Amino acid sequence: MGRAGARRSRGAGGAVLRAEARLFGREPGSLFWIVLFPTVLLLILGMIPSFREASEDLGGKRVIDLYVPVVVLLSTVMAGLQAMPPVLTGYRERGILRRMSATPVRPSALLGAQLALHGAAVLVAAVLALAVGRIAFGVAFPAQPAGYALALLLTAAAALALGATVCAVSRTQKIATAIGSVVFFPSMFAAGVWVPVQAMPGALRDVVAFTPFGAASQALDRAASGSWPAWADLGVTALWAVVLTAAAARWFRWE
C-alpha cells in the first residue's frame, strides 16, 4: 500500500510538472524576461564601441567579456524575483494550493515543478548568452566549464530560494510583486548589471562580494577566465542558498 501510494504520488507529481510546463510555455512575458532579455541587453551593450576594446584597468579584458557572466546572472534574478513569486502567490491567493492538499498531489509538487521549470529556463538563457557572446563578439567560452557550471547551479539555487522566500512572506500576489521589485534592483546592482563587479572600487567590491549575486559574479568571471572559482565566492553563494531555502521552508504557508 505504501509503495502503491508512493507510485501514485510520483505519477501525480509528473502530471503537475507537465501541466505547469504547458502553462509556463504560454507565458511569453516570463520566457522573454528570463531567456531573451539578458541576451538582448548583451547585444545592445556589445554595440558600444568602447565595450569591445581591451582595457588595461580590466587586466586586458573587454567590458563585453565581463558582461556575459553578468547577463547570465540577470536571468537568474529575473527568474527568482520577477517570474516565480507572482505565480506561486497567485496560486495560494486563489486557493489552488489548499484544494491540492485534499488530492494525492501535494502542494510541494507544485513548488518543485516551478523550481524545475524556472531553473531550466535559466539554463537555456545561459547557453543562449554564451553562444551569442561568442558568435557576435568573439567572447571565449568558459575556460573552466566545470567551475562555471557549479557556480551557475549555486547561483540559480540562491536566486530561486530568494524568490521562494519572497513568496513565503507575501500574503497576496500584489505584495509579492512589490517585494520582488524592491529586492530586484539591489540584486541587479550586486550582479554588476550597471557596473561590472570587477570594475567597482575596491571597498564596494568587497561589500558586494558578500551578497549572493556579487559572489556569483566573481565566481563566474574566474571560471570564464580559466581559473577555478574562489571557494570563498562559492561558499558565500551556497550559504545564501541554504539560508534562504531554510527561511522559505520556515515561513511558507500553503493557505
Foldseek 3Di string as FASTA:
>chain_A
DVVVLVVVQVVVLVVLLVVVVVVVVVCVVLLCQQAPPLLVLLVVVVVPVQQLAFDVLLVRDGVSLLSLQLSLLSSLLSLQQPNPLLVLLACLLVCVQVVLVVDSHHSVSNVVSSLVVSLVSSVNNSVVSQVCCCVVRNRDAFLQVVLLVLLSVLSSLLSNLLSLLLNLVDNHSVSSNVVSVVVSVVLSVLLQVPHRLSPDPPVVSVVSLLDLNNLSSQSNSCRSVNHRGDVSSSVSSNVSSVVSNVSSVVRHDSD
